[in-house]
Amino acid sequence: MTSTTSQQELFRFLEDRFACAQACTECARACALRASLVDPDGTEEQELLRRKGIMCAEVCDATCRVLSEENHLDEAGIRVQLEWCRSVCLESAQVFDRHAGEDAAKVCRECAQACTDFMATLV
């Protein structure tokens, strides 16, 4: 492997990491907004939407912090965080799908895909 190749791989890794962190940030925003729009005294379904929005926002925010900060997590720790974020985003998207006009579901799916794509670079 040449130094140019390893440098290109490093750039690609950092680009993928940034894209994933950016997707997590967007998802956290969309889910927090979604949660704030729900009437907390509403139906059980409304409460589920609010809880899913809050949980997804918190998990995405934590994942973004892990990806953005210089931390001491090893590759396995990063992979666990990404998988957790991916699964929470997919669960949230399924809940949001039951409500017409849910942009949050689309953003959740995009974040889940970004996590999946970034995990593929950790091989």
C-alpha atoms as a PDB file:
ATOM      1  CA  MET A   1       0.000   0.000   0.000  1.00  0.00           C
ATOM      2  CA  THR A   2       1.406   3.341  -0.956  1.00  0.00           C
ATOM      3  CA  SER A   3       1.205   6.391   1.228  1.00  0.00           C
ATOM      4  CA  THR A   4      -1.078   7.997  -1.382  1.00  0.00           C
ATOM      5  CA  THR A   5      -3.477   5.054  -1.165  1.00  0.00           C
ATOM      6  CA  SER A   6      -3.513   5.098   2.619  1.00  0.00           C
ATOM      7  CA  GLN A   7      -4.003   8.861   2.572  1.00  0.00           C
ATOM      8  CA  GLN A   8      -6.949   8.465   0.164  1.00  0.00           C
ATOM      9  CA  GLU A   9      -8.431   5.779   2.415  1.00  0.00           C
ATOM     10  CA  LEU A  10      -8.046   8.085   5.420  1.00  0.00           C
ATOM     11  CA  PHE A  11      -9.807  10.923   3.572  1.00  0.00           C
ATOM     12  CA  ARG A  12     -12.632   8.590   2.548  1.00  0.00           C
ATOM     13  CA  PHE A  13     -12.955   7.314   6.133  1.00  0.00           C
ATOM     14  CA  LEU A  14     -13.145  10.877   7.481  1.00  0.00           C
ATOM     15  CA  GLU A  15     -15.665  11.894   4.798  1.00  0.00           C
ATOM     16  CA  ASP A  16     -17.859   8.902   5.657  1.00  0.00           C
ATOM     17  CA  ARG A  17     -17.543   9.646   9.363  1.00  0.00           C
ATOM     18  CA  PHE A  18     -18.520  13.281   8.783  1.00  0.00           C
ATOM     19  CA  ALA A  19     -21.464  12.285   6.547  1.00  0.00           C
ATOM     20  CA  CYS A  20     -22.712   9.931   9.250  1.00  0.00           C
ATOM     21  CA  ALA A  21     -22.328  12.559  11.986  1.00  0.00           C
ATOM     22  CA  GLN A  22     -24.144  15.085   9.801  1.00  0.00           C
ATOM     23  CA  ALA A  23     -26.993  12.607   9.169  1.00  0.00           C
ATOM     24  CA  CYS A  24     -27.228  11.962  12.909  1.00  0.00           C
ATOM     25  CA  THR A  25     -27.450  15.696  13.576  1.00  0.00           C
ATOM     26  CA  GLU A  26     -30.222  16.138  11.004  1.00  0.00           C
ATOM     27  CA  CYS A  27     -32.111  13.175  12.410  1.00  0.00           C
ATOM     28  CA  ALA A  28     -31.776  14.465  15.966  1.00  0.00           C
ATOM     29  CA  ARG A  29     -33.199  17.827  14.873  1.00  0.00           C
ATOM     30  CA  ALA A  30     -36.113  16.283  12.963  1.00  0.00           C
ATOM     31  CA  CYS A  31     -37.001  13.916  15.799  1.00  0.00           C
ATOM     32  CA  ALA A  32     -36.747  16.614  18.469  1.00  0.00           C
ATOM     33  CA  LEU A  33     -38.998  18.832  16.376  1.00  0.00           C
ATOM     34  CA  ARG A  34     -41.404  15.947  15.853  1.00  0.00           C
ATOM     35  CA  ALA A  35     -41.505  15.260  19.596  1.00  0.00           C
ATOM     36  CA  SER A  36     -42.149  18.920  20.403  1.00  0.00           C
ATOM     37  CA  LEU A  37     -45.156  19.044  18.066  1.00  0.00           C
ATOM     38  CA  VAL A  38     -46.953  16.167  19.784  1.00  0.00           C
ATOM     39  CA  ASP A  39     -49.512  16.962  22.455  1.00  0.00           C
ATOM     40  CA  PRO A  40     -48.133  15.289  25.615  1.00  0.00           C
ATOM     41  CA  ASP A  41     -51.697  14.849  26.899  1.00  0.00           C
ATOM     42  CA  GLY A  42     -52.818  13.218  23.652  1.00  0.00           C
ATOM     43  CA  THR A  43     -53.596   9.626  22.807  1.00  0.00           C
ATOM     44  CA  GLU A  44     -51.396   6.630  23.496  1.00  0.00           C
ATOM     45  CA  GLU A  45     -50.227   6.784  19.872  1.00  0.00           C
ATOM     46  CA  GLN A  46     -49.303  10.451  20.323  1.00  0.00           C
ATOM     47  CA  GLU A  47     -47.289   9.529  23.401  1.00  0.00           C
ATOM     48  CA  LEU A  48     -45.496   6.781  21.450  1.00  0.00           C
ATOM     49  CA  LEU A  49     -44.612   9.300  18.735  1.00  0.00           C
ATOM     50  CA  ARG A  50     -43.282  11.734  21.319  1.00  0.00           C
ATOM     51  CA  ARG A  51     -41.212   9.075  23.120  1.00  0.00           C
ATOM     52  CA  LYS A  52     -39.779   7.705  19.864  1.00  0.00           C
ATOM     53  CA  GLY A  53     -38.897  11.210  18.714  1.00  0.00           C
ATOM     54  CA  ILE A  54     -37.107  12.005  21.965  1.00  0.00           C
ATOM     55  CA  MET A  55     -35.271   8.680  22.106  1.00  0.00           C
ATOM     56  CA  CYS A  56     -34.152   8.890  18.485  1.00  0.00           C
ATOM     57  CA  ALA A  57     -32.974  12.466  18.942  1.00  0.00           C
ATOM     58  CA  GLU A  58     -30.959  11.516  22.027  1.00  0.00           C
ATOM     59  CA  VAL A  59     -29.356   8.451  20.403  1.00  0.00           C
ATOM     60  CA  CYS A  60     -28.495  10.400  17.256  1.00  0.00           C
ATOM     61  CA  ASP A  61     -27.046  13.224  19.318  1.00  0.00           C
ATOM     62  CA  ALA A  62     -24.897  10.788  21.304  1.00  0.00           C
ATOM     63  CA  THR A  63     -23.730   9.099  18.096  1.00  0.00           C
ATOM     64  CA  CYS A  64     -22.830  12.432  16.554  1.00  0.00           C
ATOM     65  CA  ARG A  65     -20.764  13.285  19.632  1.00  0.00           C
ATOM     66  CA  VAL A  66     -18.949   9.938  19.425  1.00  0.00           C
ATOM     67  CA  LEU A  67     -18.161  10.525  15.752  1.00  0.00           C
ATOM     68  CA  SER A  68     -17.249  14.196  16.107  1.00  0.00           C
ATOM     69  CA  GLU A  69     -15.040  14.165  19.167  1.00  0.00           C
ATOM     70  CA  GLU A  70     -11.613  12.739  19.604  1.00  0.00           C
ATOM     71  CA  ASN A  71     -12.479   9.994  22.002  1.00  0.00           C
ATOM     72  CA  HIS A  72     -10.896   6.820  23.141  1.00  0.00           C
ATOM     73  CA  LEU A  73     -13.523   4.432  21.839  1.00  0.00           C
ATOM     74  CA  ASP A  74     -12.088   1.614  19.840  1.00  0.00           C
ATOM     75  CA  GLU A  75     -13.543   0.421  16.557  1.00  0.00           C
ATOM     76  CA  ALA A  76     -15.772  -2.087  18.354  1.00  0.00           C
ATOM     77  CA  GLY A  77     -17.207   0.665  20.571  1.00  0.00           C
ATOM     78  CA  ILE A  78     -17.899   2.879  17.565  1.00  0.00           C
ATOM     79  CA  ARG A  79     -19.547  -0.045  15.776  1.00  0.00           C
ATOM     80  CA  VAL A  80     -21.838  -0.705  18.782  1.00  0.00           C
ATOM     81  CA  GLN A  81     -22.849   2.983  18.884  1.00  0.00           C
ATOM     82  CA  LEU A  82     -23.534   3.018  15.131  1.00  0.00           C
ATOM     83  CA  GLU A  83     -25.591  -0.168  15.289  1.00  0.00           C
ATOM     84  CA  TRP A  84     -27.629   1.210  18.207  1.00  0.00           C
ATOM     85  CA  CYS A  85     -28.271   4.427  16.292  1.00  0.00           C
ATOM     86  CA  ARG A  86     -29.180   2.525  13.125  1.00  0.00           C
ATOM     87  CA  SER A  87     -31.684   0.293  14.900  1.00  0.00           C
ATOM     88  CA  VAL A  88     -33.314   3.165  16.827  1.00  0.00           C
ATOM     89  CA  CYS A  89     -33.623   5.196  13.614  1.00  0.00           C
ATOM     90  CA  LEU A  90     -35.274   2.290  11.778  1.00  0.00           C
ATOM     91  CA  GLU A  91     -37.698   1.673  14.667  1.00  0.00           C
ATOM     92  CA  SER A  92     -38.560   5.376  14.777  1.00  0.00           C
ATOM     93  CA  ALA A  93     -39.096   5.490  11.012  1.00  0.00           C
ATOM     94  CA  GLN A  94     -41.569   2.607  11.287  1.00  0.00           C
ATOM     95  CA  VAL A  95     -43.530   4.443  13.978  1.00  0.00           C
ATOM     96  CA  PHE A  96     -43.453   7.718  12.043  1.00  0.00           C
ATOM     97  CA  ASP A  97     -44.587   5.939   8.846  1.00  0.00           C
ATOM     98  CA  ARG A  98     -48.014   5.442  10.386  1.00  0.00           C
ATOM     99  CA  HIS A  99     -48.622   9.188  10.181  1.00  0.00           C
ATOM    100  CA  ALA A 100     -49.113  10.975   6.877  1.00  0.00           C
ATOM    101  CA  GLY A 101     -46.634  13.655   5.932  1.00  0.00           C
ATOM    102  CA  GLU A 102     -43.883  12.435   8.239  1.00  0.00           C
ATOM    103  CA  ASP A 103     -40.584  13.879   7.031  1.00  0.00           C
ATOM    104  CA  ALA A 104     -38.957  12.517  10.185  1.00  0.00           C
ATOM    105  CA  ALA A 105     -39.371   8.939   8.883  1.00  0.00           C
ATOM    106  CA  LYS A 106     -37.358   9.786   5.767  1.00  0.00           C
ATOM    107  CA  VAL A 107     -34.638  11.515   7.786  1.00  0.00           C
ATOM    108  CA  CYS A 108     -34.474   8.534  10.170  1.00  0.00           C
ATOM    109  CA  ARG A 109     -34.003   6.139   7.249  1.00  0.00           C
ATOM    110  CA  GLU A 110     -31.279   8.330   5.767  1.00  0.00           C
ATOM    111  CA  CYS A 111     -29.472   8.364   9.106  1.00  0.00           C
ATOM    112  CA  ALA A 112     -29.772   4.584   9.435  1.00  0.00           C
ATOM    113  CA  GLN A 113     -28.283   4.216   5.957  1.00  0.00           C
ATOM    114  CA  ALA A 114     -25.428   6.599   6.795  1.00  0.00           C
ATOM    115  CA  CYS A 115     -24.660   4.496   9.887  1.00  0.00           C
ATOM    116  CA  THR A 116     -24.725   1.316   7.789  1.00  0.00           C
ATOM    117  CA  ASP A 117     -22.458   2.876   5.157  1.00  0.00           C
ATOM    118  CA  PHE A 118     -19.976   4.076   7.751  1.00  0.00           C
ATOM    119  CA  MET A 119     -19.910   0.690   9.507  1.00  0.00           C
ATOM    120  CA  ALA A 120     -18.879  -0.830   6.163  1.00  0.00           C
ATOM    121  CA  THR A 121     -15.706   1.288   6.249  1.00  0.00           C
ATOM    122  CA  LEU A 122     -14.769  -0.148   9.648  1.00  0.00           C
ATOM    123  CA  VAL A 123     -14.022  -3.605   8.237  1.00  0.00           C
END
